[in-house]
Amino acid sequence: MITEYSIEYKAKTGHPYGTYICPNCKRKVKSRLSPSYISKIKVCNKCTLVVKKEKYISENKFLNGKTIPKNCKKCDIQLNQNNRARNSKTSKLWNICKDCYSNIRKIYRNKPSSKLKNQLYNLKSREKKWNNYLFRLIKKRYPQTDMSPEYIKQLWEKQNGLCFWFKIPMTITSKHKFPSKPSVDRIDNNKPYTKENCVLCCYSANIGRNTNNVDDWICFLNTIKNQIIKDHKNDPKI
């Protein structure tokens, strides 16, 4: 029986409403019922539904009153509360055991068509949210960074999609470690990831530079550039 009962008032309107604590689940419940009626209630409505559900399951019945099959429709073993499969969200009971249900799910997941669908979905979502992926990588290393996914997109627009070091177009792709894939690089490696200290560059440029300072890295790039021009001096395409 419910004994703890109190009257509270709404902050905006000032209307009174009763509150009581359910003796079963120990949660605070709001009610507009009179104290004399609430004193007759044993448990709250939520606990009442749980009791009803358990009663139906113990009697081998669905909640709509129909009887539940006692044997699995696949392997024909006897079903009980422990081995019967059910929907985890709605607690709806199924006419199949847990082992058979897991086998069915494995067969479905291993189908080439379903595997291909999952791969395509993952690739598309990665390409759409490439800036979120880069931000998560930064957040793991430096949780106190002032950068955001929106700022990374602004950097892309500011640089016109070009690599900060190589001045070539970057490619938004889901391929792992793709050379022209966008990557966030720090200008000064001794400072953290901040808006003033970060630029967008190719993955290959970021890996190639590593912890070298800006002057050494630019000097190295100019050396490569001059060598390419020298080797392909007679090539009209260059």
C-alpha atoms as a PDB file:
ATOM      1  CA  MET A   1       0.000   0.000   0.000  1.00  0.00           C
ATOM      2  CA  ILE A   2       1.133   3.562  -0.728  1.00  0.00           C
ATOM      3  CA  THR A   3       1.683   5.630   2.417  1.00  0.00           C
ATOM      4  CA  GLU A   4       4.111   8.384   1.332  1.00  0.00           C
ATOM      5  CA  TYR A   5       1.966  11.030  -0.359  1.00  0.00           C
ATOM      6  CA  SER A   6       2.575  14.766  -0.731  1.00  0.00           C
ATOM      7  CA  ILE A   7       1.118  17.726  -2.616  1.00  0.00           C
ATOM      8  CA  GLU A   8       3.337  19.910  -4.814  1.00  0.00           C
ATOM      9  CA  TYR A   9       2.618  22.927  -7.024  1.00  0.00           C
ATOM     10  CA  LYS A  10       3.607  23.608 -10.622  1.00  0.00           C
ATOM     11  CA  ALA A  11       6.201  26.371 -11.010  1.00  0.00           C
ATOM     12  CA  LYS A  12       4.504  28.173 -13.924  1.00  0.00           C
ATOM     13  CA  THR A  13       0.775  27.809 -13.205  1.00  0.00           C
ATOM     14  CA  GLY A  14       0.760  27.098  -9.474  1.00  0.00           C
ATOM     15  CA  HIS A  15      -1.713  24.197  -9.924  1.00  0.00           C
ATOM     16  CA  PRO A  16      -1.477  21.498  -7.231  1.00  0.00           C
ATOM     17  CA  TYR A  17      -0.687  17.865  -8.016  1.00  0.00           C
ATOM     18  CA  GLY A  18      -0.061  14.832  -5.848  1.00  0.00           C
ATOM     19  CA  THR A  19       3.151  12.815  -5.767  1.00  0.00           C
ATOM     20  CA  TYR A  20       3.762   9.409  -4.233  1.00  0.00           C
ATOM     21  CA  ILE A  21       6.620   6.894  -4.137  1.00  0.00           C
ATOM     22  CA  CYS A  22       5.893   3.441  -5.534  1.00  0.00           C
ATOM     23  CA  PRO A  23       6.799   0.788  -2.906  1.00  0.00           C
ATOM     24  CA  ASN A  24       7.902  -1.635  -5.655  1.00  0.00           C
ATOM     25  CA  CYS A  25      10.193   0.406  -7.989  1.00  0.00           C
ATOM     26  CA  LYS A  26      10.861   3.246  -5.486  1.00  0.00           C
ATOM     27  CA  ARG A  27      10.319   5.952  -8.110  1.00  0.00           C
ATOM     28  CA  LYS A  28       8.495   9.248  -7.647  1.00  0.00           C
ATOM     29  CA  VAL A  29       5.145   9.288  -9.494  1.00  0.00           C
ATOM     30  CA  LYS A  30       2.921  12.293 -10.265  1.00  0.00           C
ATOM     31  CA  SER A  31      -0.837  11.878  -9.991  1.00  0.00           C
ATOM     32  CA  ARG A  32      -3.995  14.005  -9.976  1.00  0.00           C
ATOM     33  CA  LEU A  33      -5.941  11.424  -7.994  1.00  0.00           C
ATOM     34  CA  SER A  34      -7.228  12.206  -4.519  1.00  0.00           C
ATOM     35  CA  PRO A  35      -5.217  11.001  -1.482  1.00  0.00           C
ATOM     36  CA  SER A  36      -8.075   8.670  -0.416  1.00  0.00           C
ATOM     37  CA  TYR A  37      -7.974   6.888  -3.811  1.00  0.00           C
ATOM     38  CA  ILE A  38      -4.162   6.751  -3.974  1.00  0.00           C
ATOM     39  CA  SER A  39      -4.040   5.077  -0.557  1.00  0.00           C
ATOM     40  CA  LYS A  40      -5.823   2.064  -2.125  1.00  0.00           C
ATOM     41  CA  ILE A  41      -3.226   1.647  -4.911  1.00  0.00           C
ATOM     42  CA  LYS A  42      -0.618  -1.069  -4.307  1.00  0.00           C
ATOM     43  CA  VAL A  43       1.913  -0.212  -7.050  1.00  0.00           C
ATOM     44  CA  CYS A  44       2.264   2.332  -9.887  1.00  0.00           C
ATOM     45  CA  ASN A  45       0.908   1.748 -13.422  1.00  0.00           C
ATOM     46  CA  LYS A  46       4.339   0.802 -14.786  1.00  0.00           C
ATOM     47  CA  CYS A  47       4.798  -1.953 -12.219  1.00  0.00           C
ATOM     48  CA  THR A  48       1.237  -3.162 -12.851  1.00  0.00           C
ATOM     49  CA  LEU A  49       2.009  -3.656 -16.561  1.00  0.00           C
ATOM     50  CA  VAL A  50       5.189  -5.565 -15.718  1.00  0.00           C
ATOM     51  CA  VAL A  51       3.260  -7.877 -13.391  1.00  0.00           C
ATOM     52  CA  LYS A  52       0.627  -8.488 -16.089  1.00  0.00           C
ATOM     53  CA  LYS A  53       3.290  -9.239 -18.692  1.00  0.00           C
ATOM     54  CA  GLU A  54       5.034 -11.720 -16.420  1.00  0.00           C
ATOM     55  CA  LYS A  55       1.702 -13.366 -15.651  1.00  0.00           C
ATOM     56  CA  TYR A  56       0.927 -13.848 -19.356  1.00  0.00           C
ATOM     57  CA  ILE A  57       4.413 -15.248 -20.014  1.00  0.00           C
ATOM     58  CA  SER A  58       4.119 -17.689 -17.103  1.00  0.00           C
ATOM     59  CA  GLU A  59       0.765 -18.872 -18.487  1.00  0.00           C
ATOM     60  CA  ASN A  60       2.329 -19.303 -21.970  1.00  0.00           C
ATOM     61  CA  LYS A  61       0.129 -16.613 -23.534  1.00  0.00           C
ATOM     62  CA  PHE A  62       0.775 -13.555 -25.653  1.00  0.00           C
ATOM     63  CA  LEU A  63      -0.396 -10.187 -24.361  1.00  0.00           C
ATOM     64  CA  ASN A  64      -3.368 -10.370 -26.739  1.00  0.00           C
ATOM     65  CA  GLY A  65      -4.542 -13.609 -25.085  1.00  0.00           C
ATOM     66  CA  LYS A  66      -3.412 -16.106 -27.770  1.00  0.00           C
ATOM     67  CA  THR A  67      -1.464 -19.129 -26.581  1.00  0.00           C
ATOM     68  CA  ILE A  68       2.277 -19.245 -27.232  1.00  0.00           C
ATOM     69  CA  PRO A  69       3.636 -22.330 -29.049  1.00  0.00           C
ATOM     70  CA  LYS A  70       5.543 -24.524 -26.602  1.00  0.00           C
ATOM     71  CA  ASN A  71       8.124 -25.791 -29.126  1.00  0.00           C
ATOM     72  CA  CYS A  72      10.575 -24.004 -31.432  1.00  0.00           C
ATOM     73  CA  LYS A  73       9.365 -23.982 -35.053  1.00  0.00           C
ATOM     74  CA  LYS A  74      12.919 -24.679 -36.317  1.00  0.00           C
ATOM     75  CA  CYS A  75      14.493 -27.272 -34.012  1.00  0.00           C
ATOM     76  CA  ASP A  76      11.307 -28.364 -32.146  1.00  0.00           C
ATOM     77  CA  ILE A  77      12.848 -28.102 -28.655  1.00  0.00           C
ATOM     78  CA  GLN A  78      10.645 -27.122 -25.737  1.00  0.00           C
ATOM     79  CA  LEU A  79      10.598 -23.372 -25.107  1.00  0.00           C
ATOM     80  CA  ASN A  80      10.682 -21.614 -21.760  1.00  0.00           C
ATOM     81  CA  GLN A  81      11.435 -18.122 -20.432  1.00  0.00           C
ATOM     82  CA  ASN A  82      15.212 -18.690 -20.599  1.00  0.00           C
ATOM     83  CA  ASN A  83      15.653 -20.038 -24.144  1.00  0.00           C
ATOM     84  CA  ARG A  84      12.791 -18.252 -25.972  1.00  0.00           C
ATOM     85  CA  ALA A  85      13.859 -15.428 -28.320  1.00  0.00           C
ATOM     86  CA  ARG A  86      12.194 -12.056 -27.936  1.00  0.00           C
ATOM     87  CA  ASN A  87      12.391  -8.527 -29.277  1.00  0.00           C
ATOM     88  CA  SER A  88      14.792  -6.563 -27.061  1.00  0.00           C
ATOM     89  CA  LYS A  89      12.890  -3.271 -27.587  1.00  0.00           C
ATOM     90  CA  THR A  90       9.248  -4.357 -27.276  1.00  0.00           C
ATOM     91  CA  SER A  91       9.741  -7.650 -25.310  1.00  0.00           C
ATOM     92  CA  LYS A  92       7.543  -9.359 -27.933  1.00  0.00           C
ATOM     93  CA  LEU A  93       7.899 -13.157 -27.713  1.00  0.00           C
ATOM     94  CA  TRP A  94       8.781 -15.207 -30.795  1.00  0.00           C
ATOM     95  CA  ASN A  95       8.064 -18.836 -31.717  1.00  0.00           C
ATOM     96  CA  ILE A  96      11.755 -19.670 -31.938  1.00  0.00           C
ATOM     97  CA  CYS A  97      14.628 -20.403 -29.574  1.00  0.00           C
ATOM     98  CA  LYS A  98      17.621 -18.092 -29.081  1.00  0.00           C
ATOM     99  CA  ASP A  99      20.108 -20.443 -30.791  1.00  0.00           C
ATOM    100  CA  CYS A 100      18.019 -20.747 -33.961  1.00  0.00           C
ATOM    101  CA  TYR A 101      17.441 -17.003 -34.031  1.00  0.00           C
ATOM    102  CA  SER A 102      21.186 -16.249 -33.754  1.00  0.00           C
ATOM    103  CA  ASN A 103      21.894 -18.743 -36.587  1.00  0.00           C
ATOM    104  CA  ILE A 104      19.317 -17.013 -38.815  1.00  0.00           C
ATOM    105  CA  ARG A 105      20.919 -13.626 -38.090  1.00  0.00           C
ATOM    106  CA  LYS A 106      24.396 -14.994 -38.910  1.00  0.00           C
ATOM    107  CA  ILE A 107      23.197 -16.376 -42.259  1.00  0.00           C
ATOM    108  CA  TYR A 108      21.604 -13.008 -43.106  1.00  0.00           C
ATOM    109  CA  ARG A 109      24.718 -11.026 -42.141  1.00  0.00           C
ATOM    110  CA  ASN A 110      27.023 -13.311 -44.174  1.00  0.00           C
ATOM    111  CA  LYS A 111      25.002 -12.879 -47.367  1.00  0.00           C
ATOM    112  CA  PRO A 112      27.046 -11.089 -50.065  1.00  0.00           C
ATOM    113  CA  SER A 113      24.176  -8.675 -50.748  1.00  0.00           C
ATOM    114  CA  SER A 114      23.795  -7.606 -47.108  1.00  0.00           C
ATOM    115  CA  LYS A 115      27.591  -7.294 -46.670  1.00  0.00           C
ATOM    116  CA  LEU A 116      27.816  -5.105 -49.762  1.00  0.00           C
ATOM    117  CA  LYS A 117      24.963  -2.895 -48.527  1.00  0.00           C
ATOM    118  CA  ASN A 118      26.682  -2.354 -45.171  1.00  0.00           C
ATOM    119  CA  GLN A 119      30.008  -1.555 -46.832  1.00  0.00           C
ATOM    120  CA  LEU A 120      28.427   0.952 -49.228  1.00  0.00           C
ATOM    121  CA  TYR A 121      26.532   2.605 -46.371  1.00  0.00           C
ATOM    122  CA  ASN A 122      29.701   2.914 -44.262  1.00  0.00           C
ATOM    123  CA  LEU A 123      31.676   4.350 -47.190  1.00  0.00           C
ATOM    124  CA  LYS A 124      29.008   6.950 -47.999  1.00  0.00           C
ATOM    125  CA  SER A 125      28.625   8.010 -44.371  1.00  0.00           C
ATOM    126  CA  ARG A 126      32.416   8.376 -43.994  1.00  0.00           C
ATOM    127  CA  GLU A 127      32.650  10.550 -47.094  1.00  0.00           C
ATOM    128  CA  LYS A 128      29.774  12.751 -45.928  1.00  0.00           C
ATOM    129  CA  LYS A 129      31.179  13.222 -42.431  1.00  0.00           C
ATOM    130  CA  TRP A 130      34.915  13.381 -43.182  1.00  0.00           C
ATOM    131  CA  ASN A 131      35.285  16.552 -41.074  1.00  0.00           C
ATOM    132  CA  ASN A 132      33.683  14.834 -38.049  1.00  0.00           C
ATOM    133  CA  TYR A 133      36.157  11.961 -38.429  1.00  0.00           C
ATOM    134  CA  LEU A 134      39.145  14.360 -38.437  1.00  0.00           C
ATOM    135  CA  PHE A 135      37.743  16.215 -35.428  1.00  0.00           C
ATOM    136  CA  ARG A 136      37.390  12.954 -33.449  1.00  0.00           C
ATOM    137  CA  LEU A 137      41.044  12.106 -34.146  1.00  0.00           C
ATOM    138  CA  ILE A 138      42.114  15.535 -32.851  1.00  0.00           C
ATOM    139  CA  LYS A 139      39.843  15.245 -29.810  1.00  0.00           C
ATOM    140  CA  LYS A 140      41.441  11.937 -28.831  1.00  0.00           C
ATOM    141  CA  ARG A 141      44.937  13.450 -28.770  1.00  0.00           C
ATOM    142  CA  TYR A 142      44.024  16.895 -27.394  1.00  0.00           C
ATOM    143  CA  PRO A 143      40.633  16.957 -25.590  1.00  0.00           C
ATOM    144  CA  GLN A 144      40.935  20.702 -24.855  1.00  0.00           C
ATOM    145  CA  THR A 145      41.181  21.787 -28.506  1.00  0.00           C
ATOM    146  CA  ASP A 146      39.135  24.798 -29.665  1.00  0.00           C
ATOM    147  CA  MET A 147      38.578  23.303 -33.140  1.00  0.00           C
ATOM    148  CA  SER A 148      35.262  21.925 -34.380  1.00  0.00           C
ATOM    149  CA  PRO A 149      33.929  20.004 -37.435  1.00  0.00           C
ATOM    150  CA  GLU A 150      32.491  23.274 -38.774  1.00  0.00           C
ATOM    151  CA  TYR A 151      35.879  24.992 -38.556  1.00  0.00           C
ATOM    152  CA  ILE A 152      37.535  22.124 -40.473  1.00  0.00           C
ATOM    153  CA  LYS A 153      35.004  22.683 -43.282  1.00  0.00           C
ATOM    154  CA  GLN A 154      35.793  26.406 -43.200  1.00  0.00           C
ATOM    155  CA  LEU A 155      39.499  25.552 -43.612  1.00  0.00           C
ATOM    156  CA  TRP A 156      38.609  23.460 -46.678  1.00  0.00           C
ATOM    157  CA  GLU A 157      36.720  26.389 -48.227  1.00  0.00           C
ATOM    158  CA  LYS A 158      39.473  28.865 -47.272  1.00  0.00           C
ATOM    159  CA  GLN A 159      42.138  26.712 -48.988  1.00  0.00           C
ATOM    160  CA  ASN A 160      39.790  25.968 -51.949  1.00  0.00           C
ATOM    161  CA  GLY A 161      40.260  22.244 -51.348  1.00  0.00           C
ATOM    162  CA  LEU A 162      44.021  22.483 -51.962  1.00  0.00           C
ATOM    163  CA  CYS A 163      46.779  20.975 -49.834  1.00  0.00           C
ATOM    164  CA  PHE A 164      48.551  23.623 -47.746  1.00  0.00           C
ATOM    165  CA  TRP A 165      52.021  22.210 -48.569  1.00  0.00           C
ATOM    166  CA  PHE A 166      51.708  20.655 -52.043  1.00  0.00           C
ATOM    167  CA  LYS A 167      49.081  23.068 -53.481  1.00  0.00           C
ATOM    168  CA  ILE A 168      47.318  20.125 -55.154  1.00  0.00           C
ATOM    169  CA  PRO A 169      43.585  19.204 -54.875  1.00  0.00           C
ATOM    170  CA  MET A 170      42.732  16.959 -51.929  1.00  0.00           C
ATOM    171  CA  THR A 171      40.369  14.007 -52.380  1.00  0.00           C
ATOM    172  CA  ILE A 172      37.550  13.213 -49.956  1.00  0.00           C
ATOM    173  CA  THR A 173      37.503   9.432 -49.899  1.00  0.00           C
ATOM    174  CA  SER A 174      36.859   6.579 -47.495  1.00  0.00           C
ATOM    175  CA  LYS A 175      39.998   4.683 -48.609  1.00  0.00           C
ATOM    176  CA  HIS A 176      42.353   4.056 -45.715  1.00  0.00           C
ATOM    177  CA  LYS A 177      45.624   6.096 -45.860  1.00  0.00           C
ATOM    178  CA  PHE A 178      44.864   7.449 -49.346  1.00  0.00           C
ATOM    179  CA  PRO A 179      47.748   9.831 -50.400  1.00  0.00           C
ATOM    180  CA  SER A 180      45.595  12.884 -51.229  1.00  0.00           C
ATOM    181  CA  LYS A 181      43.111  12.343 -48.376  1.00  0.00           C
ATOM    182  CA  PRO A 182      42.543  15.460 -46.165  1.00  0.00           C
ATOM    183  CA  SER A 183      44.464  15.541 -42.898  1.00  0.00           C
ATOM    184  CA  VAL A 184      44.934  18.158 -40.152  1.00  0.00           C
ATOM    185  CA  ASP A 185      48.549  19.218 -39.666  1.00  0.00           C
ATOM    186  CA  ARG A 186      50.096  21.526 -37.064  1.00  0.00           C
ATOM    187  CA  ILE A 187      52.364  24.305 -38.277  1.00  0.00           C
ATOM    188  CA  ASP A 188      54.322  24.246 -35.007  1.00  0.00           C
ATOM    189  CA  ASN A 189      54.520  20.679 -33.676  1.00  0.00           C
ATOM    190  CA  ASN A 190      55.400  21.902 -30.174  1.00  0.00           C
ATOM    191  CA  LYS A 191      52.017  23.635 -29.838  1.00  0.00           C
ATOM    192  CA  PRO A 192      48.614  21.894 -29.465  1.00  0.00           C
ATOM    193  CA  TYR A 193      45.832  21.603 -32.050  1.00  0.00           C
ATOM    194  CA  THR A 194      44.345  25.115 -32.144  1.00  0.00           C
ATOM    195  CA  LYS A 195      42.679  27.158 -34.883  1.00  0.00           C
ATOM    196  CA  GLU A 196      45.757  29.369 -35.331  1.00  0.00           C
ATOM    197  CA  ASN A 197      48.171  26.432 -35.467  1.00  0.00           C
ATOM    198  CA  CYS A 198      46.367  24.015 -37.834  1.00  0.00           C
ATOM    199  CA  VAL A 199      46.035  23.661 -41.607  1.00  0.00           C
ATOM    200  CA  LEU A 200      44.547  21.091 -43.975  1.00  0.00           C
ATOM    201  CA  CYS A 201      46.976  19.073 -46.054  1.00  0.00           C
ATOM    202  CA  CYS A 202      47.291  15.736 -47.866  1.00  0.00           C
ATOM    203  CA  TYR A 203      47.743  12.622 -45.776  1.00  0.00           C
ATOM    204  CA  SER A 204      51.039  11.938 -47.607  1.00  0.00           C
ATOM    205  CA  ALA A 205      52.317  15.472 -46.798  1.00  0.00           C
ATOM    206  CA  ASN A 206      51.394  15.108 -43.136  1.00  0.00           C
ATOM    207  CA  ILE A 207      53.156  11.742 -42.829  1.00  0.00           C
ATOM    208  CA  GLY A 208      56.151  12.906 -44.875  1.00  0.00           C
ATOM    209  CA  ARG A 209      56.720  16.031 -42.828  1.00  0.00           C
ATOM    210  CA  ASN A 210      56.336  14.192 -39.502  1.00  0.00           C
ATOM    211  CA  THR A 211      57.926  16.347 -36.745  1.00  0.00           C
ATOM    212  CA  ASN A 212      60.155  18.503 -39.008  1.00  0.00           C
ATOM    213  CA  ASN A 213      59.885  22.280 -38.698  1.00  0.00           C
ATOM    214  CA  VAL A 214      58.424  24.449 -41.451  1.00  0.00           C
ATOM    215  CA  ASP A 215      61.749  25.774 -42.849  1.00  0.00           C
ATOM    216  CA  ASP A 216      63.309  22.316 -43.252  1.00  0.00           C
ATOM    217  CA  TRP A 217      60.139  20.946 -44.831  1.00  0.00           C
ATOM    218  CA  ILE A 218      59.793  23.798 -47.365  1.00  0.00           C
ATOM    219  CA  CYS A 219      63.486  23.482 -48.248  1.00  0.00           C
ATOM    220  CA  PHE A 220      62.996  19.766 -48.910  1.00  0.00           C
ATOM    221  CA  LEU A 221      59.909  20.425 -51.084  1.00  0.00           C
ATOM    222  CA  ASN A 222      61.805  23.012 -53.152  1.00  0.00           C
ATOM    223  CA  THR A 223      64.620  20.501 -53.690  1.00  0.00           C
ATOM    224  CA  ILE A 224      62.159  17.911 -55.009  1.00  0.00           C
ATOM    225  CA  LYS A 225      60.465  20.540 -57.190  1.00  0.00           C
ATOM    226  CA  ASN A 226      63.766  21.656 -58.768  1.00  0.00           C
ATOM    227  CA  GLN A 227      64.802  18.063 -59.390  1.00  0.00           C
ATOM    228  CA  ILE A 228      61.511  17.258 -61.144  1.00  0.00           C
ATOM    229  CA  ILE A 229      61.862  20.349 -63.348  1.00  0.00           C
ATOM    230  CA  LYS A 230      65.450  19.380 -64.177  1.00  0.00           C
ATOM    231  CA  ASP A 231      64.568  15.760 -65.067  1.00  0.00           C
ATOM    232  CA  HIS A 232      61.584  16.752 -67.231  1.00  0.00           C
ATOM    233  CA  LYS A 233      63.013  19.904 -68.768  1.00  0.00           C
ATOM    234  CA  ASN A 234      62.261  18.801 -72.331  1.00  0.00           C
ATOM    235  CA  ASP A 235      58.779  17.486 -71.521  1.00  0.00           C
ATOM    236  CA  PRO A 236      56.168  19.964 -72.894  1.00  0.00           C
ATOM    237  CA  LYS A 237      53.580  18.840 -70.337  1.00  0.00           C
ATOM    238  CA  ILE A 238      55.642  20.209 -67.427  1.00  0.00           C
END
